PDB file of N, CA and C in Angstrom:
ATOM      1  N   MET A   1     135.900 126.046 136.463  1.00  0.00           N
ATOM      2  CA  MET A   1     135.963 125.140 137.300  1.00  0.00           C
ATOM      3  C   MET A   1     137.255 124.452 137.815  1.00  0.00           C
ATOM      4  N   ILE A   2     137.658 124.500 139.149  1.00  0.00           N
ATOM      5  CA  ILE A   2     138.354 124.418 139.836  1.00  0.00           C
ATOM      6  C   ILE A   2     139.123 123.420 140.299  1.00  0.00           C
ATOM      7  N   LYS A   3     140.582 123.079 139.769  1.00  0.00           N
ATOM      8  CA  LYS A   3     140.999 122.454 140.202  1.00  0.00           C
ATOM      9  C   LYS A   3     141.518 121.808 141.529  1.00  0.00           C
ATOM     10  N   GLN A   4     141.365 120.614 141.525  1.00  0.00           N
ATOM     11  CA  GLN A   4     141.628 120.158 142.428  1.00  0.00           C
ATOM     12  C   GLN A   4     143.007 119.465 142.633  1.00  0.00           C
ATOM     13  N   LEU A   5     143.743 119.539 144.086  1.00  0.00           N
ATOM     14  CA  LEU A   5     145.165 118.487 143.899  1.00  0.00           C
ATOM     15  C   LEU A   5     144.865 117.303 144.291  1.00  0.00           C
ATOM     16  N   ASP A   6     145.482 116.992 143.495  1.00  0.00           N
ATOM     17  CA  ASP A   6     145.128 114.937 143.531  1.00  0.00           C
ATOM     18  C   ASP A   6     146.574 115.045 144.683  1.00  0.00           C
ATOM     19  N   LEU A   7     146.038 114.705 145.904  1.00  0.00           N
ATOM     20  CA  LEU A   7     146.696 114.531 146.855  1.00  0.00           C
ATOM     21  C   LEU A   7     146.671 113.064 147.551  1.00  0.00           C
ATOM     22  N   LYS A   8     145.912 111.624 147.436  1.00  0.00           N
ATOM     23  CA  LYS A   8     145.572 111.189 148.127  1.00  0.00           C
ATOM     24  C   LYS A   8     146.255 110.075 148.713  1.00  0.00           C
ATOM     25  N   GLY A   9     145.871 109.628 149.735  1.00  0.00           N
ATOM     26  CA  GLY A   9     146.608 108.313 150.717  1.00  0.00           C
ATOM     27  C   GLY A   9     147.876 108.642 151.510  1.00  0.00           C
ATOM     28  N   ASN A  10     148.777 108.845 151.503  1.00  0.00           N
ATOM     29  CA  ASN A  10     149.422 109.110 153.248  1.00  0.00           C
ATOM     30  C   ASN A  10     150.906 108.842 152.565  1.00  0.00           C
ATOM     31  N   ILE A  11     151.791 109.772 153.618  1.00  0.00           N
ATOM     32  CA  ILE A  11     152.905 110.607 153.486  1.00  0.00           C
ATOM     33  C   ILE A  11     154.105 109.767 152.777  1.00  0.00           C
ATOM     34  N   TYR A  12     153.281 107.619 153.262  1.00  0.00           N
ATOM     35  CA  TYR A  12     154.458 106.541 153.436  1.00  0.00           C
ATOM     36  C   TYR A  12     154.824 106.455 151.572  1.00  0.00           C
ATOM     37  N   THR A  13     153.113 106.484 150.885  1.00  0.00           N
ATOM     38  CA  THR A  13     152.988 105.457 149.515  1.00  0.00           C
ATOM     39  C   THR A  13     153.189 107.239 148.418  1.00  0.00           C
ATOM     40  N   HIS A  14     153.100 108.251 149.145  1.00  0.00           N
ATOM     41  CA  HIS A  14     152.766 109.191 148.326  1.00  0.00           C
ATOM     42  C   HIS A  14     154.146 111.073 148.519  1.00  0.00           C
ATOM     43  N   LEU A  15     154.739 110.950 147.385  1.00  0.00           N
ATOM     44  CA  LEU A  15     155.171 112.429 147.648  1.00  0.00           C
ATOM     45  C   LEU A  15     154.790 113.567 148.532  1.00  0.00           C
ATOM     46  N   LYS A  16     153.872 114.083 148.158  1.00  0.00           N
ATOM     47  CA  LYS A  16     152.701 114.819 149.071  1.00  0.00           C
ATOM     48  C   LYS A  16     151.530 114.557 149.027  1.00  0.00           C
ATOM     49  N   GLN A  17     151.364 115.762 150.719  1.00  0.00           N
ATOM     50  CA  GLN A  17     150.059 115.376 151.411  1.00  0.00           C
ATOM     51  C   GLN A  17     149.407 116.813 152.347  1.00  0.00           C
ATOM     52  N   CYS A  18     147.738 117.139 152.016  1.00  0.00           N
ATOM     53  CA  CYS A  18     147.458 118.053 152.154  1.00  0.00           C
ATOM     54  C   CYS A  18     146.187 117.887 153.104  1.00  0.00           C
ATOM     55  N   SER A  19     146.435 118.173 154.206  1.00  0.00           N
ATOM     56  CA  SER A  19     145.285 118.071 155.303  1.00  0.00           C
ATOM     57  C   SER A  19     144.604 119.630 155.298  1.00  0.00           C
ATOM     58  N   VAL A  20     143.626 119.890 155.050  1.00  0.00           N
ATOM     59  CA  VAL A  20     142.646 121.195 155.154  1.00  0.00           C
ATOM     60  C   VAL A  20     141.463 120.555 156.667  1.00  0.00           C
ATOM     61  N   TYR A  21     141.135 122.048 157.479  1.00  0.00           N
ATOM     62  CA  TYR A  21     140.113 122.011 158.075  1.00  0.00           C
ATOM     63  C   TYR A  21     140.135 123.655 157.856  1.00  0.00           C
ATOM     64  N   ALA A  22     139.005 124.006 157.705  1.00  0.00           N
ATOM     65  CA  ALA A  22     138.793 125.253 157.161  1.00  0.00           C
ATOM     66  C   ALA A  22     139.379 126.466 156.708  1.00  0.00           C
ATOM     67  N   ASP A  23     140.414 127.242 157.784  1.00  0.00           N
ATOM     68  CA  ASP A  23     141.244 128.255 156.757  1.00  0.00           C
ATOM     69  C   ASP A  23     142.830 127.228 156.679  1.00  0.00           C
ATOM     70  N   ASP A  24     142.707 126.304 158.035  1.00  0.00           N
ATOM     71  CA  ASP A  24     144.372 126.097 158.812  1.00  0.00           C
ATOM     72  C   ASP A  24     144.215 124.781 157.433  1.00  0.00           C
ATOM     73  N   ILE A  25     145.593 124.570 156.659  1.00  0.00           N
ATOM     74  CA  ILE A  25     146.146 123.721 155.774  1.00  0.00           C
ATOM     75  C   ILE A  25     147.535 123.566 156.496  1.00  0.00           C
ATOM     76  N   LEU A  26     147.645 122.052 155.919  1.00  0.00           N
ATOM     77  CA  LEU A  26     149.079 121.662 156.558  1.00  0.00           C
ATOM     78  C   LEU A  26     149.381 121.010 155.112  1.00  0.00           C
ATOM     79  N   VAL A  27     150.240 121.231 154.580  1.00  0.00           N
ATOM     80  CA  VAL A  27     151.067 120.857 153.323  1.00  0.00           C
ATOM     81  C   VAL A  27     152.030 119.802 153.852  1.00  0.00           C
ATOM     82  N   THR A  28     152.149 118.381 153.691  1.00  0.00           N
ATOM     83  CA  THR A  28     153.395 117.052 154.006  1.00  0.00           C
ATOM     84  C   THR A  28     153.857 116.978 152.311  1.00  0.00           C
ATOM     85  N   THR A  29     155.204 117.287 152.358  1.00  0.00           N
ATOM     86  CA  THR A  29     155.821 116.873 152.071  1.00  0.00           C
ATOM     87  C   THR A  29     157.394 115.954 152.160  1.00  0.00           C
ATOM     88  N   ARG A  30     157.413 115.744 150.999  1.00  0.00           N
ATOM     89  CA  ARG A  30     158.510 114.250 151.405  1.00  0.00           C
ATOM     90  C   ARG A  30     160.156 115.222 150.569  1.00  0.00           C
ATOM     91  N   THR A  31     160.509 116.139 149.963  1.00  0.00           N
ATOM     92  CA  THR A  31     161.324 116.943 149.002  1.00  0.00           C
ATOM     93  C   THR A  31     161.194 117.681 149.293  1.00  0.00           C
ATOM     94  N   MET A  32     161.676 118.967 149.456  1.00  0.00           N
ATOM     95  CA  MET A  32     161.811 120.756 148.638  1.00  0.00           C
ATOM     96  C   MET A  32     161.142 120.737 147.054  1.00  0.00           C
ATOM     97  N   HIS A  33     161.519 120.121 146.361  1.00  0.00           N
ATOM     98  CA  HIS A  33     161.238 119.781 145.166  1.00  0.00           C
ATOM     99  C   HIS A  33     159.179 119.822 145.559  1.00  0.00           C
ATOM    100  N   ALA A  34     159.190 118.764 146.152  1.00  0.00           N
ATOM    101  CA  ALA A  34     157.819 118.962 146.320  1.00  0.00           C
ATOM    102  C   ALA A  34     156.782 119.631 146.791  1.00  0.00           C
ATOM    103  N   VAL A  35     157.464 120.577 147.593  1.00  0.00           N
ATOM    104  CA  VAL A  35     157.099 121.639 148.930  1.00  0.00           C
ATOM    105  C   VAL A  35     157.033 123.229 147.847  1.00  0.00           C
ATOM    106  N   GLU A  36     157.910 122.380 147.046  1.00  0.00           N
ATOM    107  CA  GLU A  36     157.954 124.212 145.635  1.00  0.00           C
ATOM    108  C   GLU A  36     156.496 123.745 145.633  1.00  0.00           C
ATOM    109  N   ASP A  37     156.513 122.781 144.733  1.00  0.00           N
ATOM    110  CA  ASP A  37     155.858 122.559 143.374  1.00  0.00           C
ATOM    111  C   ASP A  37     154.239 122.473 143.856  1.00  0.00           C
ATOM    112  N   THR A  38     153.955 121.858 145.372  1.00  0.00           N
ATOM    113  CA  THR A  38     152.692 121.926 145.932  1.00  0.00           C
ATOM    114  C   THR A  38     152.150 123.580 146.261  1.00  0.00           C
ATOM    115  N   PHE A  39     153.257 124.297 146.567  1.00  0.00           N
ATOM    116  CA  PHE A  39     152.906 125.794 147.200  1.00  0.00           C
ATOM    117  C   PHE A  39     152.268 126.674 145.681  1.00  0.00           C
ATOM    118  N   GLN A  40     153.107 126.146 145.087  1.00  0.00           N
ATOM    119  CA  GLN A  40     152.938 126.897 143.937  1.00  0.00           C
ATOM    120  C   GLN A  40     151.246 126.514 143.172  1.00  0.00           C
ATOM    121  N   LYS A  41     150.492 124.976 143.438  1.00  0.00           N
ATOM    122  CA  LYS A  41     149.962 124.641 142.832  1.00  0.00           C
ATOM    123  C   LYS A  41     148.574 125.751 143.922  1.00  0.00           C
ATOM    124  N   LEU A  42     148.777 125.338 144.875  1.00  0.00           N
ATOM    125  CA  LEU A  42     147.616 125.855 145.941  1.00  0.00           C
ATOM    126  C   LEU A  42     147.599 127.346 146.058  1.00  0.00           C
ATOM    127  N   LYS A  43     149.232 127.797 146.063  1.00  0.00           N
ATOM    128  CA  LYS A  43     148.572 129.566 145.236  1.00  0.00           C
ATOM    129  C   LYS A  43     148.094 129.948 144.320  1.00  0.00           C
ATOM    130  N   GLU A  44     148.127 129.418 143.297  1.00  0.00           N
ATOM    131  CA  GLU A  44     147.518 129.485 142.260  1.00  0.00           C
ATOM    132  C   GLU A  44     145.839 129.134 141.889  1.00  0.00           C
ATOM    133  N   ILE A  45     145.163 127.757 142.928  1.00  0.00           N
ATOM    134  CA  ILE A  45     143.595 127.307 143.195  1.00  0.00           C
ATOM    135  C   ILE A  45     143.233 128.422 143.929  1.00  0.00           C
ATOM    136  N   SER A  46     144.375 128.686 145.084  1.00  0.00           N
ATOM    137  CA  SER A  46     143.342 129.787 146.035  1.00  0.00           C
ATOM    138  C   SER A  46     143.327 131.350 144.939  1.00  0.00           C
ATOM    139  N   GLN A  47     144.127 131.684 144.455  1.00  0.00           N
ATOM    140  CA  GLN A  47     144.025 132.902 143.609  1.00  0.00           C
ATOM    141  C   GLN A  47     142.454 132.852 142.464  1.00  0.00           C
ATOM    142  N   GLN A  48     142.236 131.604 142.608  1.00  0.00           N
ATOM    143  CA  GLN A  48     141.284 131.257 141.478  1.00  0.00           C
ATOM    144  C   GLN A  48     139.803 131.735 142.061  1.00  0.00           C
ATOM    145  N   VAL A  49     139.638 131.660 143.461  1.00  0.00           N
ATOM    146  CA  VAL A  49     139.138 131.886 144.432  1.00  0.00           C
ATOM    147  C   VAL A  49     138.855 133.074 145.466  1.00  0.00           C
ATOM    148  N   GLY A  50     139.953 133.984 144.670  1.00  0.00           N
ATOM    149  CA  GLY A  50     139.712 135.014 145.676  1.00  0.00           C
ATOM    150  C   GLY A  50     140.935 134.745 147.253  1.00  0.00           C
ATOM    151  N   LEU A  51     140.810 134.208 146.910  1.00  0.00           N
ATOM    152  CA  LEU A  51     142.082 133.844 148.351  1.00  0.00           C
ATOM    153  C   LEU A  51     143.362 134.763 148.160  1.00  0.00           C
ATOM    154  N   THR A  52     143.923 134.663 149.235  1.00  0.00           N
ATOM    155  CA  THR A  52     145.828 135.356 149.213  1.00  0.00           C
ATOM    156  C   THR A  52     145.661 134.424 150.491  1.00  0.00           C
ATOM    157  N   ILE A  53     147.300 133.700 150.281  1.00  0.00           N
ATOM    158  CA  ILE A  53     147.777 133.362 151.417  1.00  0.00           C
ATOM    159  C   ILE A  53     149.143 134.143 152.086  1.00  0.00           C
ATOM    160  N   ASN A  54     148.581 134.028 153.159  1.00  0.00           N
ATOM    161  CA  ASN A  54     149.277 135.357 154.251  1.00  0.00           C
ATOM    162  C   ASN A  54     150.707 135.114 154.658  1.00  0.00           C
ATOM    163  N   GLU A  55     151.259 135.184 153.880  1.00  0.00           N
ATOM    164  CA  GLU A  55     152.829 135.302 153.718  1.00  0.00           C
ATOM    165  C   GLU A  55     153.255 135.464 155.753  1.00  0.00           C
ATOM    166  N   HIS A  56     152.766 136.409 156.578  1.00  0.00           N
ATOM    167  CA  HIS A  56     153.152 136.274 158.126  1.00  0.00           C
ATOM    168  C   HIS A  56     153.044 135.156 159.011  1.00  0.00           C
ATOM    169  N   LYS A  57     151.820 134.896 158.279  1.00  0.00           N
ATOM    170  CA  LYS A  57     151.254 133.385 159.137  1.00  0.00           C
ATOM    171  C   LYS A  57     151.773 132.066 157.859  1.00  0.00           C
ATOM    172  N   THR A  58     152.158 132.008 156.659  1.00  0.00           N
ATOM    173  CA  THR A  58     153.123 131.052 157.216  1.00  0.00           C
ATOM    174  C   THR A  58     154.192 130.671 157.221  1.00  0.00           C
ATOM    175  N   LYS A  59     154.247 129.023 157.216  1.00  0.00           N
ATOM    176  CA  LYS A  59     155.233 129.096 157.931  1.00  0.00           C
ATOM    177  C   LYS A  59     155.920 127.409 157.256  1.00  0.00           C
ATOM    178  N   TYR A  60     157.139 127.584 158.151  1.00  0.00           N
ATOM    179  CA  TYR A  60     157.375 125.337 157.974  1.00  0.00           C
ATOM    180  C   TYR A  60     157.753 124.850 158.933  1.00  0.00           C
ATOM    181  N   LEU A  61     158.347 123.667 158.832  1.00  0.00           N
ATOM    182  CA  LEU A  61     159.236 122.821 159.698  1.00  0.00           C
ATOM    183  C   LEU A  61     159.676 122.585 158.624  1.00  0.00           C
ATOM    184  N   SER A  62     160.837 121.694 158.941  1.00  0.00           N
ATOM    185  CA  SER A  62     161.068 120.450 158.697  1.00  0.00           C
ATOM    186  C   SER A  62     161.543 119.606 159.735  1.00  0.00           C
ATOM    187  N   CYS A  63     161.875 118.176 159.233  1.00  0.00           N
ATOM    188  CA  CYS A  63     161.831 117.017 159.977  1.00  0.00           C
ATOM    189  C   CYS A  63     162.762 115.793 159.465  1.00  0.00           C
ATOM    190  N   THR A  64     164.126 116.461 160.068  1.00  0.00           N
ATOM    191  CA  THR A  64     164.369 115.273 158.673  1.00  0.00           C
ATOM    192  C   THR A  64     165.873 114.797 160.422  1.00  0.00           C
ATOM    193  N   LYS A  65     166.733 113.988 160.173  1.00  0.00           N
ATOM    194  CA  LYS A  65     167.916 113.358 161.221  1.00  0.00           C
ATOM    195  C   LYS A  65     169.201 114.477 160.654  1.00  0.00           C
ATOM    196  N   LYS A  66     169.034 115.121 159.518  1.00  0.00           N
ATOM    197  CA  LYS A  66     170.150 116.070 159.186  1.00  0.00           C
ATOM    198  C   LYS A  66     170.175 117.148 159.809  1.00  0.00           C
ATOM    199  N   GLN A  67     170.922 117.566 160.471  1.00  0.00           N
ATOM    200  CA  GLN A  67     171.016 118.911 161.095  1.00  0.00           C
ATOM    201  C   GLN A  67     171.772 120.002 160.064  1.00  0.00           C
ATOM    202  N   HIS A  68     170.791 121.000 159.676  1.00  0.00           N
ATOM    203  CA  HIS A  68     171.197 121.742 159.102  1.00  0.00           C
ATOM    204  C   HIS A  68     170.299 122.831 158.941  1.00  0.00           C
ATOM    205  N   LYS A  69     170.902 124.183 159.546  1.00  0.00           N
ATOM    206  CA  LYS A  69     170.025 125.352 159.955  1.00  0.00           C
ATOM    207  C   LYS A  69     169.528 126.150 158.529  1.00  0.00           C
ATOM    208  N   MET A  70     168.477 126.810 158.753  1.00  0.00           N
ATOM    209  CA  MET A  70     168.211 127.478 157.447  1.00  0.00           C
ATOM    210  C   MET A  70     167.165 128.473 158.355  1.00  0.00           C
ATOM    211  N   ASP A  71     167.306 129.897 157.192  1.00  0.00           N
ATOM    212  CA  ASP A  71     166.394 130.827 158.024  1.00  0.00           C
ATOM    213  C   ASP A  71     165.191 130.769 157.381  1.00  0.00           C
ATOM    214  N   GLY A  72     165.046 129.842 156.543  1.00  0.00           N
ATOM    215  CA  GLY A  72     164.205 130.345 156.172  1.00  0.00           C
ATOM    216  C   GLY A  72     163.919 129.902 154.270  1.00  0.00           C
ATOM    217  N   ILE A  73     162.917 130.001 153.755  1.00  0.00           N
ATOM    218  CA  ILE A  73     162.990 129.646 151.923  1.00  0.00           C
ATOM    219  C   ILE A  73     162.396 130.200 151.159  1.00  0.00           C
ATOM    220  N   ASP A  74     162.360 130.409 150.264  1.00  0.00           N
ATOM    221  CA  ASP A  74     161.483 131.689 149.475  1.00  0.00           C
ATOM    222  C   ASP A  74     161.048 130.670 148.613  1.00  0.00           C
ATOM    223  N   ILE A  75     158.967 130.636 147.920  1.00  0.00           N
ATOM    224  CA  ILE A  75     159.057 129.912 147.566  1.00  0.00           C
ATOM    225  C   ILE A  75     157.793 131.019 146.700  1.00  0.00           C
ATOM    226  N   THR A  76     158.185 130.714 145.359  1.00  0.00           N
ATOM    227  CA  THR A  76     156.738 131.373 144.237  1.00  0.00           C
ATOM    228  C   THR A  76     157.096 133.629 145.338  1.00  0.00           C
ATOM    229  N   GLN A  77     158.181 134.021 145.635  1.00  0.00           N
ATOM    230  CA  GLN A  77     158.504 135.245 145.932  1.00  0.00           C
ATOM    231  C   GLN A  77     157.747 135.422 147.428  1.00  0.00           C
ATOM    232  N   ILE A  78     157.068 134.233 148.017  1.00  0.00           N
ATOM    233  CA  ILE A  78     156.880 134.708 149.910  1.00  0.00           C
ATOM    234  C   ILE A  78     157.872 133.673 150.045  1.00  0.00           C
ATOM    235  N   HIS A  79     158.423 134.207 151.453  1.00  0.00           N
ATOM    236  CA  HIS A  79     159.418 134.063 152.396  1.00  0.00           C
ATOM    237  C   HIS A  79     159.016 133.180 153.337  1.00  0.00           C
ATOM    238  N   LEU A  80     159.038 131.693 153.506  1.00  0.00           N
ATOM    239  CA  LEU A  80     158.660 131.262 154.433  1.00  0.00           C
ATOM    240  C   LEU A  80     159.466 130.840 155.761  1.00  0.00           C
ATOM    241  N   GLU A  81     159.029 131.042 157.000  1.00  0.00           N
ATOM    242  CA  GLU A  81     160.195 131.529 158.073  1.00  0.00           C
ATOM    243  C   GLU A  81     159.561 129.662 158.563  1.00  0.00           C
ATOM    244  N   GLN A  82     161.219 129.316 159.653  1.00  0.00           N
ATOM    245  CA  GLN A  82     160.831 127.876 159.708  1.00  0.00           C
ATOM    246  C   GLN A  82     161.187 128.024 160.934  1.00  0.00           C
ATOM    247  N   VAL A  83     159.698 127.261 161.904  1.00  0.00           N
ATOM    248  CA  VAL A  83     159.272 127.022 162.750  1.00  0.00           C
ATOM    249  C   VAL A  83     160.359 125.616 163.944  1.00  0.00           C
ATOM    250  N   LYS A  84     159.852 125.191 165.040  1.00  0.00           N
ATOM    251  CA  LYS A  84     160.194 124.314 166.037  1.00  0.00           C
ATOM    252  C   LYS A  84     159.731 123.547 165.891  1.00  0.00           C
ATOM    253  N   SER A  85     158.590 124.137 166.070  1.00  0.00           N
ATOM    254  CA  SER A  85     156.780 123.757 166.387  1.00  0.00           C
ATOM    255  C   SER A  85     155.757 124.540 165.899  1.00  0.00           C
ATOM    256  N   PHE A  86     154.951 123.626 166.200  1.00  0.00           N
ATOM    257  CA  PHE A  86     153.476 124.590 165.793  1.00  0.00           C
ATOM    258  C   PHE A  86     152.112 123.905 166.069  1.00  0.00           C
ATOM    259  N   LYS A  87     151.341 124.330 166.422  1.00  0.00           N
ATOM    260  CA  LYS A  87     149.999 124.302 166.988  1.00  0.00           C
ATOM    261  C   LYS A  87     149.297 123.849 166.037  1.00  0.00           C
ATOM    262  N   TYR A  88     148.520 122.734 165.039  1.00  0.00           N
ATOM    263  CA  TYR A  88     147.781 122.730 164.484  1.00  0.00           C
ATOM    264  C   TYR A  88     146.767 122.144 164.772  1.00  0.00           C
ATOM    265  N   LEU A  89     145.108 122.073 164.726  1.00  0.00           N
ATOM    266  CA  LEU A  89     144.126 121.810 165.340  1.00  0.00           C
ATOM    267  C   LEU A  89     144.126 121.443 166.649  1.00  0.00           C
ATOM    268  N   GLY A  90     144.705 121.843 167.708  1.00  0.00           N
ATOM    269  CA  GLY A  90     144.885 122.204 168.953  1.00  0.00           C
ATOM    270  C   GLY A  90     146.193 120.868 169.312  1.00  0.00           C
ATOM    271  N   SER A  91     147.188 119.952 168.839  1.00  0.00           N
ATOM    272  CA  SER A  91     148.012 119.318 168.719  1.00  0.00           C
ATOM    273  C   SER A  91     148.975 120.077 168.345  1.00  0.00           C
ATOM    274  N   ILE A  92     150.863 120.021 168.645  1.00  0.00           N
ATOM    275  CA  ILE A  92     151.713 119.904 169.243  1.00  0.00           C
ATOM    276  C   ILE A  92     152.120 119.569 168.448  1.00  0.00           C
ATOM    277  N   MET A  93     152.964 119.790 166.709  1.00  0.00           N
ATOM    278  CA  MET A  93     153.396 119.476 165.802  1.00  0.00           C
ATOM    279  C   MET A  93     155.209 119.702 166.327  1.00  0.00           C
ATOM    280  N   ASN A  94     156.143 118.939 166.278  1.00  0.00           N
ATOM    281  CA  ASN A  94     157.607 118.924 166.711  1.00  0.00           C
ATOM    282  C   ASN A  94     157.958 118.094 164.994  1.00  0.00           C
ATOM    283  N   GLY A  95     160.036 118.951 165.014  1.00  0.00           N
ATOM    284  CA  GLY A  95     160.819 118.303 164.151  1.00  0.00           C
ATOM    285  C   GLY A  95     161.235 116.778 164.509  1.00  0.00           C
ATOM    286  N   ASN A  96     160.877 116.901 165.649  1.00  0.00           N
ATOM    287  CA  ASN A  96     161.598 115.684 166.296  1.00  0.00           C
ATOM    288  C   ASN A  96     160.973 114.462 166.550  1.00  0.00           C
ATOM    289  N   ASN A  97     159.590 114.788 166.912  1.00  0.00           N
ATOM    290  CA  ASN A  97     158.649 113.502 166.884  1.00  0.00           C
ATOM    291  C   ASN A  97     158.324 113.192 168.036  1.00  0.00           C
ATOM    292  N   LEU A  98     158.487 114.155 169.028  1.00  0.00           N
ATOM    293  CA  LEU A  98     158.436 114.609 170.575  1.00  0.00           C
ATOM    294  C   LEU A  98     157.449 114.316 170.568  1.00  0.00           C
ATOM    295  N   ILE A  99     156.791 113.877 171.545  1.00  0.00           N
ATOM    296  CA  ILE A  99     155.274 114.488 172.481  1.00  0.00           C
ATOM    297  C   ILE A  99     155.515 115.370 173.939  1.00  0.00           C
ATOM    298  N   GLU A 100     156.512 114.656 174.061  1.00  0.00           N
ATOM    299  CA  GLU A 100     156.483 115.129 175.691  1.00  0.00           C
ATOM    300  C   GLU A 100     155.598 117.180 175.472  1.00  0.00           C
ATOM    301  N   GLU A 101     155.932 117.550 174.657  1.00  0.00           N
ATOM    302  CA  GLU A 101     155.676 119.232 175.077  1.00  0.00           C
ATOM    303  C   GLU A 101     153.946 118.814 174.967  1.00  0.00           C
ATOM    304  N   GLU A 102     153.306 118.348 173.804  1.00  0.00           N
ATOM    305  CA  GLU A 102     151.899 117.974 173.912  1.00  0.00           C
ATOM    306  C   GLU A 102     151.168 117.254 175.161  1.00  0.00           C
ATOM    307  N   ILE A 103     152.458 116.559 175.825  1.00  0.00           N
ATOM    308  CA  ILE A 103     151.781 116.151 177.269  1.00  0.00           C
ATOM    309  C   ILE A 103     151.898 116.938 178.205  1.00  0.00           C
ATOM    310  N   LYS A 104     153.027 118.114 178.987  1.00  0.00           N
ATOM    311  CA  LYS A 104     152.894 119.164 179.414  1.00  0.00           C
ATOM    312  C   LYS A 104     151.879 119.587 178.719  1.00  0.00           C
ATOM    313  N   GLU A 105     151.527 120.485 178.149  1.00  0.00           N
ATOM    314  CA  GLU A 105     150.666 121.080 177.242  1.00  0.00           C
ATOM    315  C   GLU A 105     149.253 121.231 177.526  1.00  0.00           C
ATOM    316  N   ARG A 106     148.816 119.443 177.815  1.00  0.00           N
ATOM    317  CA  ARG A 106     147.529 119.187 178.473  1.00  0.00           C
ATOM    318  C   ARG A 106     146.787 118.707 179.800  1.00  0.00           C
ATOM    319  N   ILE A 107     148.545 118.393 180.701  1.00  0.00           N
ATOM    320  CA  ILE A 107     148.031 118.596 181.679  1.00  0.00           C
ATOM    321  C   ILE A 107     147.926 120.233 182.102  1.00  0.00           C
ATOM    322  N   SER A 108     148.985 121.004 181.795  1.00  0.00           N
ATOM    323  CA  SER A 108     148.946 122.211 182.223  1.00  0.00           C
ATOM    324  C   SER A 108     147.002 123.378 181.795  1.00  0.00           C
ATOM    325  N   LEU A 109     146.721 122.327 180.303  1.00  0.00           N
ATOM    326  CA  LEU A 109     145.047 122.866 180.069  1.00  0.00           C
ATOM    327  C   LEU A 109     144.400 122.097 181.607  1.00  0.00           C
ATOM    328  N   GLY A 110     144.492 120.797 181.929  1.00  0.00           N
ATOM    329  CA  GLY A 110     143.645 120.276 182.590  1.00  0.00           C
ATOM    330  C   GLY A 110     143.816 120.418 183.962  1.00  0.00           C
ATOM    331  N   ASN A 111     144.483 121.430 184.387  1.00  0.00           N
ATOM    332  CA  ASN A 111     145.111 121.597 185.514  1.00  0.00           C
ATOM    333  C   ASN A 111     144.874 122.873 185.543  1.00  0.00           C
ATOM    334  N   MET A 112     144.121 124.076 185.006  1.00  0.00           N
ATOM    335  CA  MET A 112     143.933 124.898 184.432  1.00  0.00           C
ATOM    336  C   MET A 112     142.475 125.008 184.735  1.00  0.00           C
ATOM    337  N   ALA A 113     142.209 124.468 183.913  1.00  0.00           N
ATOM    338  CA  ALA A 113     140.545 123.551 183.594  1.00  0.00           C
ATOM    339  C   ALA A 113     139.822 123.337 185.122  1.00  0.00           C
ATOM    340  N   LEU A 114     140.037 122.484 185.996  1.00  0.00           N
ATOM    341  CA  LEU A 114     140.335 122.251 186.967  1.00  0.00           C
ATOM    342  C   LEU A 114     139.963 123.139 188.231  1.00  0.00           C
ATOM    343  N   LEU A 115     141.385 124.384 187.929  1.00  0.00           N
ATOM    344  CA  LEU A 115     141.886 125.330 189.327  1.00  0.00           C
ATOM    345  C   LEU A 115     140.145 126.035 188.657  1.00  0.00           C
ATOM    346  N   CYS A 116     139.878 126.910 187.526  1.00  0.00           N
ATOM    347  CA  CYS A 116     138.641 127.741 187.172  1.00  0.00           C
ATOM    348  C   CYS A 116     137.615 126.464 187.979  1.00  0.00           C
ATOM    349  N   LYS A 117     137.309 125.388 187.460  1.00  0.00           N
ATOM    350  CA  LYS A 117     135.743 125.138 188.134  1.00  0.00           C
ATOM    351  C   LYS A 117     136.133 124.765 189.314  1.00  0.00           C
ATOM    352  N   SER A 118     137.237 125.102 190.617  1.00  0.00           N
ATOM    353  CA  SER A 118     137.170 124.915 191.759  1.00  0.00           C
ATOM    354  C   SER A 118     136.683 126.246 192.340  1.00  0.00           C
ATOM    355  N   ARG A 119     136.841 127.508 191.445  1.00  0.00           N
ATOM    356  CA  ARG A 119     137.232 128.878 191.681  1.00  0.00           C
ATOM    357  C   ARG A 119     136.010 129.270 191.698  1.00  0.00           C
ATOM    358  N   SER A 120     134.627 128.911 190.716  1.00  0.00           N
ATOM    359  CA  SER A 120     133.598 128.988 190.666  1.00  0.00           C
ATOM    360  C   SER A 120     132.945 128.090 191.489  1.00  0.00           C
ATOM    361  N   ILE A 121     133.113 127.368 192.461  1.00  0.00           N
ATOM    362  CA  ILE A 121     132.368 126.452 192.899  1.00  0.00           C
ATOM    363  C   ILE A 121     132.073 127.452 194.232  1.00  0.00           C
TER     364      ILE A 121
END
């Protein structure tokens, strides 16, 4: 039997949270220790069903007011690259909690759709 991660609730009431859609997994934690613990559990559960974590596709984003620069973190012999933003389920996530980049992308996608539709007429 596969153990399941007990990550119910939201990030304000719990130390860690895991959002899963198909093969996309978003782990949200409040401390570095929680990141390491959750990642280790995720790795163990994945291995039980024959899955592996792709080190090249796995990234992390730090959302903090503290200005500290890190090149990446190493968890369970896997190096995770730090990114400033990423796209998850079509929405752009960033460490500044700003939506300007998301708005620009949606306007651009809308303009491209309109242009393609007008060319096909």
